[in-house]
């Protein structure tokens, strides 16, 4: 995997690694569950909800990559860009810019 000089350069690669619609949907579900876990922690004052955030976020995404996209998640080599990419892609899916 090549190194990237900017997030924009990485994001182009990142989108190519998410061509499978089921993989994108699983990312969307996982990211939504991350948001809900954080909201639950804030509303209840119980930090134990926060354990669900990485499990849901990475769990759904990795199932999408290993079983549907059939590639290795970008987070293994570019964790920060990948996390940023997840949320940019999520926002674009919410707005309809990327097909869900």
N, C-alpha and C. Protein backbone atom coordinates (compact mmCIF):
# COMPACT_ATOMS: atom_id res chain seq x y z
N UNK A 1 0.85 -1.18 0.00
CA UNK A 1 0.00 0.00 0.00
C UNK A 1 0.89 1.24 0.00
N UNK A 2 0.60 2.13 -0.86
CA UNK A 2 1.39 3.35 -0.99
C UNK A 2 1.15 4.29 0.20
N UNK A 3 2.11 5.15 0.43
CA UNK A 3 1.93 6.19 1.43
C UNK A 3 1.17 7.34 0.78
N UNK A 4 0.50 8.11 1.59
CA UNK A 4 -0.33 9.19 1.09
C UNK A 4 0.17 10.52 1.66
N UNK A 5 0.21 11.52 0.79
CA UNK A 5 0.72 12.82 1.23
C UNK A 5 -0.37 13.72 1.80
N UNK A 6 -1.64 13.31 1.64
CA UNK A 6 -2.75 14.11 2.18
C UNK A 6 -3.95 13.20 2.39
N UNK A 7 -4.89 13.70 3.19
CA UNK A 7 -6.11 12.93 3.39
C UNK A 7 -6.89 12.80 2.09
N UNK A 8 -6.93 13.84 1.28
CA UNK A 8 -7.67 13.77 0.02
C UNK A 8 -7.12 12.67 -0.88
N UNK A 9 -5.83 12.54 -0.92
CA UNK A 9 -5.22 11.48 -1.71
C UNK A 9 -5.60 10.11 -1.13
N UNK A 10 -5.55 9.98 0.18
CA UNK A 10 -5.94 8.74 0.84
C UNK A 10 -7.41 8.43 0.60
N UNK A 11 -8.27 9.44 0.71
CA UNK A 11 -9.71 9.21 0.62
C UNK A 11 -10.12 8.65 -0.74
N UNK A 12 -9.44 9.05 -1.75
CA UNK A 12 -9.69 8.49 -3.07
C UNK A 12 -9.42 6.98 -3.05
N UNK A 13 -8.31 6.59 -2.46
CA UNK A 13 -7.98 5.17 -2.29
C UNK A 13 -9.02 4.49 -1.40
N UNK A 14 -9.38 5.14 -0.30
CA UNK A 14 -10.32 4.60 0.68
C UNK A 14 -11.66 4.26 0.02
N UNK A 15 -12.16 5.16 -0.79
CA UNK A 15 -13.44 4.89 -1.47
C UNK A 15 -13.34 3.68 -2.39
N UNK A 16 -12.20 3.51 -3.02
CA UNK A 16 -11.99 2.34 -3.87
C UNK A 16 -12.02 1.04 -3.09
N UNK A 17 -11.65 1.11 -1.82
CA UNK A 17 -11.66 -0.07 -0.95
C UNK A 17 -13.05 -0.35 -0.39
N UNK A 18 -14.01 0.49 -0.74
CA UNK A 18 -15.39 0.34 -0.26
C UNK A 18 -16.36 0.31 -1.45
N UNK A 19 -16.00 -0.42 -2.47
CA UNK A 19 -16.84 -0.50 -3.68
C UNK A 19 -18.06 -1.38 -3.46
N UNK A 20 -17.97 -2.35 -2.57
CA UNK A 20 -19.06 -3.28 -2.32
C UNK A 20 -20.14 -2.60 -1.47
N UNK A 21 -21.34 -2.64 -1.97
CA UNK A 21 -22.45 -1.95 -1.30
C UNK A 21 -22.75 -2.52 0.08
N UNK A 22 -22.64 -3.83 0.23
CA UNK A 22 -22.91 -4.44 1.54
C UNK A 22 -21.85 -3.98 2.55
N UNK A 23 -20.61 -3.90 2.10
CA UNK A 23 -19.54 -3.41 2.99
C UNK A 23 -19.85 -1.98 3.44
N UNK A 24 -20.26 -1.13 2.51
CA UNK A 24 -20.60 0.26 2.88
C UNK A 24 -21.77 0.28 3.85
N UNK A 25 -22.76 -0.57 3.62
CA UNK A 25 -23.91 -0.61 4.54
C UNK A 25 -23.50 -1.06 5.93
N UNK A 26 -22.61 -2.04 6.00
CA UNK A 26 -22.14 -2.49 7.30
C UNK A 26 -21.35 -1.39 8.01
N UNK A 27 -20.56 -0.62 7.27
CA UNK A 27 -19.87 0.54 7.85
C UNK A 27 -20.89 1.52 8.41
N UNK A 28 -21.94 1.77 7.65
CA UNK A 28 -22.97 2.72 8.06
C UNK A 28 -23.65 2.27 9.35
N UNK A 29 -24.01 1.00 9.40
CA UNK A 29 -24.65 0.45 10.61
C UNK A 29 -23.70 0.56 11.80
N UNK A 30 -22.45 0.15 11.61
CA UNK A 30 -21.48 0.22 12.70
C UNK A 30 -21.27 1.64 13.20
N UNK A 31 -21.14 2.58 12.29
CA UNK A 31 -20.94 3.98 12.67
C UNK A 31 -22.16 4.53 13.40
N UNK A 32 -23.34 4.16 12.96
CA UNK A 32 -24.56 4.59 13.64
C UNK A 32 -24.61 4.03 15.06
N UNK A 33 -24.20 2.78 15.22
CA UNK A 33 -24.17 2.18 16.56
C UNK A 33 -23.12 2.86 17.45
N UNK A 34 -22.03 3.30 16.87
CA UNK A 34 -21.02 4.06 17.64
C UNK A 34 -21.66 5.33 18.19
N UNK A 35 -22.36 6.04 17.34
CA UNK A 35 -23.04 7.28 17.77
C UNK A 35 -24.05 6.98 18.87
N UNK A 36 -24.84 5.93 18.69
CA UNK A 36 -25.85 5.58 19.69
C UNK A 36 -25.22 5.16 21.02
N UNK A 37 -24.10 4.46 20.97
CA UNK A 37 -23.41 4.06 22.20
C UNK A 37 -22.90 5.28 22.95
N UNK A 38 -22.37 6.25 22.23
CA UNK A 38 -21.88 7.48 22.86
C UNK A 38 -23.04 8.27 23.46
N UNK A 39 -24.13 8.35 22.72
CA UNK A 39 -25.32 9.05 23.25
C UNK A 39 -25.84 8.35 24.50
N UNK A 40 -25.90 7.01 24.47
CA UNK A 40 -26.36 6.26 25.64
C UNK A 40 -25.46 6.52 26.84
N UNK A 41 -24.16 6.57 26.63
CA UNK A 41 -23.23 6.84 27.73
C UNK A 41 -23.46 8.24 28.30
N UNK A 42 -23.68 9.20 27.41
CA UNK A 42 -23.91 10.57 27.88
C UNK A 42 -25.24 10.72 28.61
N UNK A 43 -26.28 10.09 28.08
CA UNK A 43 -27.61 10.22 28.69
C UNK A 43 -27.74 9.48 30.01
N UNK A 44 -27.08 8.33 30.11
CA UNK A 44 -27.20 7.53 31.34
C UNK A 44 -26.10 7.82 32.34
N UNK A 45 -25.03 8.46 31.88
CA UNK A 45 -23.89 8.68 32.75
C UNK A 45 -23.10 7.41 33.03
N UNK A 46 -23.35 6.37 32.24
CA UNK A 46 -22.68 5.08 32.43
C UNK A 46 -21.67 4.85 31.30
N UNK A 47 -20.42 4.92 31.68
CA UNK A 47 -19.35 4.77 30.69
C UNK A 47 -19.29 3.38 30.07
N UNK A 48 -19.94 2.42 30.68
CA UNK A 48 -19.89 1.05 30.12
C UNK A 48 -20.44 0.99 28.70
N UNK A 49 -21.29 1.91 28.31
CA UNK A 49 -21.81 1.95 26.94
C UNK A 49 -20.68 2.19 25.93
N UNK A 50 -19.64 2.86 26.37
CA UNK A 50 -18.54 3.20 25.47
C UNK A 50 -17.78 1.97 24.98
N UNK A 51 -17.87 0.85 25.69
CA UNK A 51 -17.24 -0.38 25.22
C UNK A 51 -17.85 -0.85 23.91
N UNK A 52 -19.10 -0.51 23.69
CA UNK A 52 -19.76 -0.93 22.46
C UNK A 52 -19.28 -0.17 21.23
N UNK A 53 -18.78 1.04 21.43
CA UNK A 53 -18.38 1.87 20.29
C UNK A 53 -17.32 1.21 19.41
N UNK A 54 -16.16 0.82 19.94
CA UNK A 54 -15.17 0.20 19.05
C UNK A 54 -15.60 -1.18 18.56
N UNK A 55 -16.33 -1.91 19.38
CA UNK A 55 -16.79 -3.24 18.95
C UNK A 55 -17.74 -3.11 17.77
N UNK A 56 -18.70 -2.20 17.88
CA UNK A 56 -19.66 -2.00 16.78
C UNK A 56 -18.98 -1.39 15.56
N UNK A 57 -18.20 -0.36 15.78
CA UNK A 57 -17.57 0.33 14.66
C UNK A 57 -16.64 -0.57 13.87
N UNK A 58 -15.70 -1.18 14.56
CA UNK A 58 -14.74 -2.04 13.86
C UNK A 58 -15.36 -3.39 13.48
N UNK A 59 -16.20 -3.93 14.34
CA UNK A 59 -16.79 -5.24 14.06
C UNK A 59 -17.58 -5.26 12.76
N UNK A 60 -18.49 -4.34 12.60
CA UNK A 60 -19.29 -4.30 11.37
C UNK A 60 -18.42 -4.01 10.15
N UNK A 61 -17.47 -3.08 10.30
CA UNK A 61 -16.60 -2.73 9.17
C UNK A 61 -15.75 -3.93 8.76
N UNK A 62 -15.17 -4.62 9.72
CA UNK A 62 -14.29 -5.74 9.38
C UNK A 62 -15.04 -6.91 8.78
N UNK A 63 -16.26 -7.15 9.22
CA UNK A 63 -17.09 -8.18 8.58
C UNK A 63 -17.30 -7.80 7.11
N UNK A 64 -17.59 -6.54 6.88
CA UNK A 64 -17.79 -6.07 5.52
C UNK A 64 -16.55 -6.27 4.65
N UNK A 65 -15.40 -5.99 5.20
CA UNK A 65 -14.17 -6.14 4.42
C UNK A 65 -13.78 -7.59 4.20
N UNK A 66 -13.81 -8.39 5.25
CA UNK A 66 -13.34 -9.77 5.13
C UNK A 66 -14.29 -10.66 4.34
N UNK A 67 -15.60 -10.44 4.48
CA UNK A 67 -16.56 -11.35 3.86
C UNK A 67 -17.20 -10.84 2.58
N UNK A 68 -17.26 -9.54 2.39
CA UNK A 68 -17.94 -8.99 1.22
C UNK A 68 -16.98 -8.26 0.28
N UNK A 69 -16.18 -7.37 0.83
CA UNK A 69 -15.24 -6.62 0.01
C UNK A 69 -14.03 -7.49 -0.35
N UNK A 70 -13.73 -8.44 0.53
CA UNK A 70 -12.60 -9.37 0.35
C UNK A 70 -11.27 -8.63 0.26
N UNK A 71 -11.08 -7.67 1.16
CA UNK A 71 -9.82 -6.96 1.24
C UNK A 71 -9.48 -6.71 2.70
N UNK A 72 -8.32 -6.18 2.92
CA UNK A 72 -7.84 -5.90 4.28
C UNK A 72 -8.20 -4.46 4.63
N UNK A 73 -8.84 -4.24 5.79
CA UNK A 73 -9.21 -2.87 6.16
C UNK A 73 -8.02 -1.91 6.16
N UNK A 74 -8.25 -0.73 5.65
CA UNK A 74 -7.20 0.30 5.59
C UNK A 74 -6.73 0.70 6.98
N UNK A 75 -7.55 0.47 7.98
CA UNK A 75 -7.20 0.87 9.35
C UNK A 75 -5.96 0.15 9.86
N UNK A 76 -5.63 -1.00 9.27
CA UNK A 76 -4.45 -1.74 9.72
C UNK A 76 -3.15 -1.00 9.40
N UNK A 77 -3.14 -0.23 8.33
CA UNK A 77 -1.92 0.50 7.95
C UNK A 77 -2.05 2.02 8.10
N UNK A 78 -3.24 2.51 8.04
CA UNK A 78 -3.47 3.96 8.13
C UNK A 78 -4.62 4.23 9.10
N UNK A 79 -4.40 4.00 10.38
CA UNK A 79 -5.52 4.07 11.34
C UNK A 79 -6.20 5.44 11.44
N UNK A 80 -5.41 6.52 11.46
CA UNK A 80 -6.04 7.84 11.62
C UNK A 80 -6.77 8.28 10.36
N UNK A 81 -6.12 8.14 9.21
CA UNK A 81 -6.80 8.48 7.96
C UNK A 81 -8.04 7.60 7.77
N UNK A 82 -7.95 6.35 8.14
CA UNK A 82 -9.07 5.45 7.98
C UNK A 82 -10.25 5.85 8.87
N UNK A 83 -9.96 6.20 10.10
CA UNK A 83 -11.02 6.66 11.01
C UNK A 83 -11.68 7.92 10.47
N UNK A 84 -10.88 8.83 10.00
CA UNK A 84 -11.38 10.07 9.39
C UNK A 84 -12.21 9.72 8.16
N UNK A 85 -11.69 8.82 7.34
CA UNK A 85 -12.40 8.40 6.14
C UNK A 85 -13.75 7.78 6.44
N UNK A 86 -13.81 6.99 7.53
CA UNK A 86 -15.09 6.38 7.93
C UNK A 86 -16.16 7.44 8.14
N UNK A 87 -15.77 8.51 8.84
CA UNK A 87 -16.76 9.53 9.18
C UNK A 87 -17.09 10.43 7.99
N UNK A 88 -16.14 10.67 7.14
CA UNK A 88 -16.43 11.43 5.91
C UNK A 88 -17.38 10.61 5.03
N UNK A 89 -17.08 9.31 4.87
CA UNK A 89 -17.95 8.45 4.07
C UNK A 89 -19.34 8.36 4.70
N UNK A 90 -19.41 8.26 6.02
CA UNK A 90 -20.69 8.20 6.72
C UNK A 90 -21.52 9.46 6.42
N UNK A 91 -20.89 10.61 6.53
CA UNK A 91 -21.59 11.87 6.26
C UNK A 91 -22.05 11.93 4.81
N UNK A 92 -21.23 11.46 3.90
CA UNK A 92 -21.61 11.47 2.48
C UNK A 92 -22.74 10.48 2.21
N UNK A 93 -22.78 9.37 2.92
CA UNK A 93 -23.89 8.43 2.77
C UNK A 93 -25.17 9.04 3.33
N UNK A 94 -25.07 9.72 4.46
CA UNK A 94 -26.25 10.38 5.04
C UNK A 94 -26.84 11.42 4.08
N UNK A 95 -25.97 12.14 3.40
CA UNK A 95 -26.40 13.19 2.46
C UNK A 95 -26.79 12.65 1.08
N UNK A 96 -26.58 11.35 0.87
CA UNK A 96 -26.91 10.76 -0.42
C UNK A 96 -25.85 10.95 -1.49
N UNK A 97 -24.69 11.43 -1.11
CA UNK A 97 -23.61 11.64 -2.07
C UNK A 97 -22.96 10.31 -2.45
N UNK A 98 -22.96 9.36 -1.51
CA UNK A 98 -22.50 8.00 -1.77
C UNK A 98 -23.69 7.07 -1.57
N UNK A 99 -23.86 6.16 -2.51
CA UNK A 99 -25.01 5.25 -2.47
C UNK A 99 -24.88 4.26 -1.32
N UNK A 100 -25.94 4.15 -0.56
CA UNK A 100 -26.00 3.22 0.57
C UNK A 100 -26.41 1.85 0.13
